[in-house]
Amino acid sequence: MTRIDQWTWAVRLYKTRSLAAAAVKAGHVRVNGERAKPATKVSVGDEVRVRAEGYEKVFEVVQLLSKRVGAPIAQQAYVDNSPPPPPKDEFFGAFGSRDRGAGRPTKRDRREMERLRGQG
């Protein structure tokens, strides 16, 4: 059995072990549907859900790793059962951003962007 913070770091879901532990403490990681603590033990066959980048990723543990390994070996340690990410809103992307090099937005531009984003 391996700790959840070690396993998520070892299979390269997080860049550092401290980031993995912080994500677990913040409640972004669930093991078999239950909120995990950094010392929660993971075994083969467990379902790990990681909330990142605005949606949830679902992994099934196939192999236990306690040390960080190369990416090809790390990908063999889990099965990715994640649903596809939600599509980006084309309307929002067209009006919610500025062209590169357009300079700093004016107050009017800022208010229009906030209105389009639904913040104002």
C-alpha atoms as a PDB file:
ATOM      1  CA  MET A   1       0.000   0.000   0.000  1.00  0.00           C
ATOM      2  CA  THR A   2       1.157   3.500  -0.852  1.00  0.00           C
ATOM      3  CA  ARG A   3       0.138   6.952   0.365  1.00  0.00           C
ATOM      4  CA  ILE A   4      -2.115   8.897  -2.019  1.00  0.00           C
ATOM      5  CA  ASP A   5       0.172  11.938  -2.071  1.00  0.00           C
ATOM      6  CA  GLN A   6       3.153   9.743  -2.978  1.00  0.00           C
ATOM      7  CA  TRP A   7       1.238   7.874  -5.674  1.00  0.00           C
ATOM      8  CA  THR A   8      -0.179  10.998  -7.380  1.00  0.00           C
ATOM      9  CA  TRP A   9       3.321  12.491  -7.422  1.00  0.00           C
ATOM     10  CA  ALA A  10       4.965   9.245  -8.585  1.00  0.00           C
ATOM     11  CA  VAL A  11       2.607   8.843 -11.576  1.00  0.00           C
ATOM     12  CA  ARG A  12       3.193  12.484 -12.505  1.00  0.00           C
ATOM     13  CA  LEU A  13      -0.251  13.912 -11.786  1.00  0.00           C
ATOM     14  CA  TYR A  14       1.518  16.652  -9.802  1.00  0.00           C
ATOM     15  CA  LYS A  15       4.932  18.172 -10.391  1.00  0.00           C
ATOM     16  CA  THR A  16       6.139  18.021  -6.776  1.00  0.00           C
ATOM     17  CA  ARG A  17       5.165  15.962  -3.769  1.00  0.00           C
ATOM     18  CA  SER A  18       4.338  19.089  -1.792  1.00  0.00           C
ATOM     19  CA  LEU A  19       1.885  20.158  -4.532  1.00  0.00           C
ATOM     20  CA  ALA A  20       0.322  16.692  -4.412  1.00  0.00           C
ATOM     21  CA  ALA A  21      -0.051  16.856  -0.620  1.00  0.00           C
ATOM     22  CA  ALA A  22      -1.514  20.369  -0.822  1.00  0.00           C
ATOM     23  CA  ALA A  23      -4.077  19.265  -3.419  1.00  0.00           C
ATOM     24  CA  VAL A  24      -5.092  16.310  -1.259  1.00  0.00           C
ATOM     25  CA  LYS A  25      -5.417  18.539   1.823  1.00  0.00           C
ATOM     26  CA  ALA A  26      -7.541  21.000  -0.175  1.00  0.00           C
ATOM     27  CA  GLY A  27     -10.000  18.236  -1.054  1.00  0.00           C
ATOM     28  CA  HIS A  28      -9.162  18.002  -4.757  1.00  0.00           C
ATOM     29  CA  VAL A  29      -8.435  14.258  -4.558  1.00  0.00           C
ATOM     30  CA  ARG A  30     -10.918  11.483  -3.719  1.00  0.00           C
ATOM     31  CA  VAL A  31     -10.197   7.782  -3.277  1.00  0.00           C
ATOM     32  CA  ASN A  32     -13.154   5.449  -3.919  1.00  0.00           C
ATOM     33  CA  GLY A  33     -15.556   8.384  -3.573  1.00  0.00           C
ATOM     34  CA  GLU A  34     -14.246   9.479  -0.163  1.00  0.00           C
ATOM     35  CA  ARG A  35     -12.281  12.660   0.474  1.00  0.00           C
ATOM     36  CA  ALA A  36      -8.660  11.676   1.095  1.00  0.00           C
ATOM     37  CA  LYS A  37      -5.974  12.831   3.492  1.00  0.00           C
ATOM     38  CA  PRO A  38      -2.319  12.828   2.369  1.00  0.00           C
ATOM     39  CA  ALA A  39      -1.650   9.623   4.336  1.00  0.00           C
ATOM     40  CA  THR A  40      -4.638   7.752   2.867  1.00  0.00           C
ATOM     41  CA  LYS A  41      -3.488   4.358   1.609  1.00  0.00           C
ATOM     42  CA  VAL A  42      -4.062   3.402  -2.024  1.00  0.00           C
ATOM     43  CA  SER A  43      -4.150  -0.165  -3.303  1.00  0.00           C
ATOM     44  CA  VAL A  44      -4.481  -1.776  -6.724  1.00  0.00           C
ATOM     45  CA  GLY A  45      -8.019  -1.439  -8.084  1.00  0.00           C
ATOM     46  CA  ASP A  46      -8.871   1.787  -6.239  1.00  0.00           C
ATOM     47  CA  GLU A  47     -10.547   4.660  -8.077  1.00  0.00           C
ATOM     48  CA  VAL A  48      -8.802   8.036  -7.720  1.00  0.00           C
ATOM     49  CA  ARG A  49     -10.601  11.221  -8.752  1.00  0.00           C
ATOM     50  CA  VAL A  50      -8.515  14.372  -9.203  1.00  0.00           C
ATOM     51  CA  ARG A  51     -10.139  17.761  -9.776  1.00  0.00           C
ATOM     52  CA  ALA A  52      -7.896  19.901 -11.978  1.00  0.00           C
ATOM     53  CA  GLU A  53      -8.228  22.509 -14.708  1.00  0.00           C
ATOM     54  CA  GLY A  54     -11.941  22.978 -14.104  1.00  0.00           C
ATOM     55  CA  TYR A  55     -13.035  19.353 -14.505  1.00  0.00           C
ATOM     56  CA  GLU A  56     -12.546  15.989 -12.842  1.00  0.00           C
ATOM     57  CA  LYS A  57     -10.151  13.268 -13.985  1.00  0.00           C
ATOM     58  CA  VAL A  58     -10.825   9.645 -13.037  1.00  0.00           C
ATOM     59  CA  PHE A  59      -8.020   7.081 -12.687  1.00  0.00           C
ATOM     60  CA  GLU A  60      -7.957   3.403 -11.749  1.00  0.00           C
ATOM     61  CA  VAL A  61      -4.839   2.272  -9.879  1.00  0.00           C
ATOM     62  CA  VAL A  62      -3.127  -0.592 -11.732  1.00  0.00           C
ATOM     63  CA  GLN A  63       0.316  -0.468 -10.122  1.00  0.00           C
ATOM     64  CA  LEU A  64       1.608   0.997  -6.861  1.00  0.00           C
ATOM     65  CA  LEU A  65       4.554   3.364  -7.117  1.00  0.00           C
ATOM     66  CA  SER A  66       6.223   5.139  -4.222  1.00  0.00           C
ATOM     67  CA  LYS A  67       9.139   6.633  -6.180  1.00  0.00           C
ATOM     68  CA  ARG A  68       8.834   8.973  -9.154  1.00  0.00           C
ATOM     69  CA  VAL A  69       9.475   7.200 -12.444  1.00  0.00           C
ATOM     70  CA  GLY A  70       9.667   8.135 -16.104  1.00  0.00           C
ATOM     71  CA  ALA A  71       6.523   9.122 -17.971  1.00  0.00           C
ATOM     72  CA  PRO A  72       6.123   5.883 -20.006  1.00  0.00           C
ATOM     73  CA  ILE A  73       6.309   3.748 -16.848  1.00  0.00           C
ATOM     74  CA  ALA A  74       4.059   6.151 -14.934  1.00  0.00           C
ATOM     75  CA  GLN A  75       1.327   5.877 -17.589  1.00  0.00           C
ATOM     76  CA  GLN A  76       1.296   2.103 -17.130  1.00  0.00           C
ATOM     77  CA  ALA A  77       0.527   2.508 -13.414  1.00  0.00           C
ATOM     78  CA  TYR A  78      -3.048   3.719 -14.013  1.00  0.00           C
ATOM     79  CA  VAL A  79      -5.988   3.514 -16.401  1.00  0.00           C
ATOM     80  CA  ASP A  80      -7.461   6.890 -17.345  1.00  0.00           C
ATOM     81  CA  ASN A  81     -11.285   6.636 -17.216  1.00  0.00           C
ATOM     82  CA  SER A  82     -11.825  10.388 -17.432  1.00  0.00           C
ATOM     83  CA  PRO A  83     -14.717  11.749 -19.462  1.00  0.00           C
ATOM     84  CA  PRO A  84     -13.665  14.078 -22.284  1.00  0.00           C
ATOM     85  CA  PRO A  85     -13.118  17.691 -21.173  1.00  0.00           C
ATOM     86  CA  PRO A  86     -16.023  20.069 -21.709  1.00  0.00           C
ATOM     87  CA  PRO A  87     -15.858  22.012 -24.981  1.00  0.00           C
ATOM     88  CA  LYS A  88     -14.566  25.558 -24.855  1.00  0.00           C
ATOM     89  CA  ASP A  89     -17.222  28.173 -25.449  1.00  0.00           C
ATOM     90  CA  GLU A  90     -16.424  29.663 -28.846  1.00  0.00           C
ATOM     91  CA  PHE A  91     -18.516  32.775 -28.219  1.00  0.00           C
ATOM     92  CA  PHE A  92     -16.681  33.539 -25.000  1.00  0.00           C
ATOM     93  CA  GLY A  93     -13.274  33.010 -26.594  1.00  0.00           C
ATOM     94  CA  ALA A  94     -14.009  35.367 -29.474  1.00  0.00           C
ATOM     95  CA  PHE A  95     -15.076  38.315 -27.326  1.00  0.00           C
ATOM     96  CA  GLY A  96     -13.481  37.649 -23.946  1.00  0.00           C
ATOM     97  CA  SER A  97      -9.860  38.126 -24.976  1.00  0.00           C
ATOM     98  CA  ARG A  98      -7.723  40.766 -26.602  1.00  0.00           C
ATOM     99  CA  ASP A  99      -5.298  40.527 -29.484  1.00  0.00           C
ATOM    100  CA  ARG A 100      -1.656  40.230 -28.571  1.00  0.00           C
ATOM    101  CA  GLY A 101       0.042  43.602 -28.684  1.00  0.00           C
ATOM    102  CA  ALA A 102      -3.235  45.533 -28.475  1.00  0.00           C
ATOM    103  CA  GLY A 103      -2.035  47.288 -25.353  1.00  0.00           C
ATOM    104  CA  ARG A 104      -3.707  47.790 -22.048  1.00  0.00           C
ATOM    105  CA  PRO A 105      -7.525  47.739 -22.139  1.00  0.00           C
ATOM    106  CA  THR A 106      -9.347  50.989 -21.543  1.00  0.00           C
ATOM    107  CA  LYS A 107     -11.985  51.282 -18.859  1.00  0.00           C
ATOM    108  CA  ARG A 108     -14.654  50.858 -21.535  1.00  0.00           C
ATOM    109  CA  ASP A 109     -12.955  47.712 -22.883  1.00  0.00           C
ATOM    110  CA  ARG A 110     -12.660  46.270 -19.389  1.00  0.00           C
ATOM    111  CA  ARG A 111     -16.352  46.875 -18.668  1.00  0.00           C
ATOM    112  CA  GLU A 112     -17.332  45.202 -21.960  1.00  0.00           C
ATOM    113  CA  MET A 113     -15.182  42.156 -21.158  1.00  0.00           C
ATOM    114  CA  GLU A 114     -16.696  41.884 -17.672  1.00  0.00           C
ATOM    115  CA  ARG A 115     -20.200  42.197 -19.108  1.00  0.00           C
ATOM    116  CA  LEU A 116     -19.508  39.393 -21.605  1.00  0.00           C
ATOM    117  CA  ARG A 117     -18.070  37.178 -18.866  1.00  0.00           C
ATOM    118  CA  GLY A 118     -21.156  37.782 -16.747  1.00  0.00           C
ATOM    119  CA  GLN A 119     -19.315  39.578 -13.985  1.00  0.00           C
ATOM    120  CA  GLY A 120     -20.826  42.982 -14.345  1.00  0.00           C
END
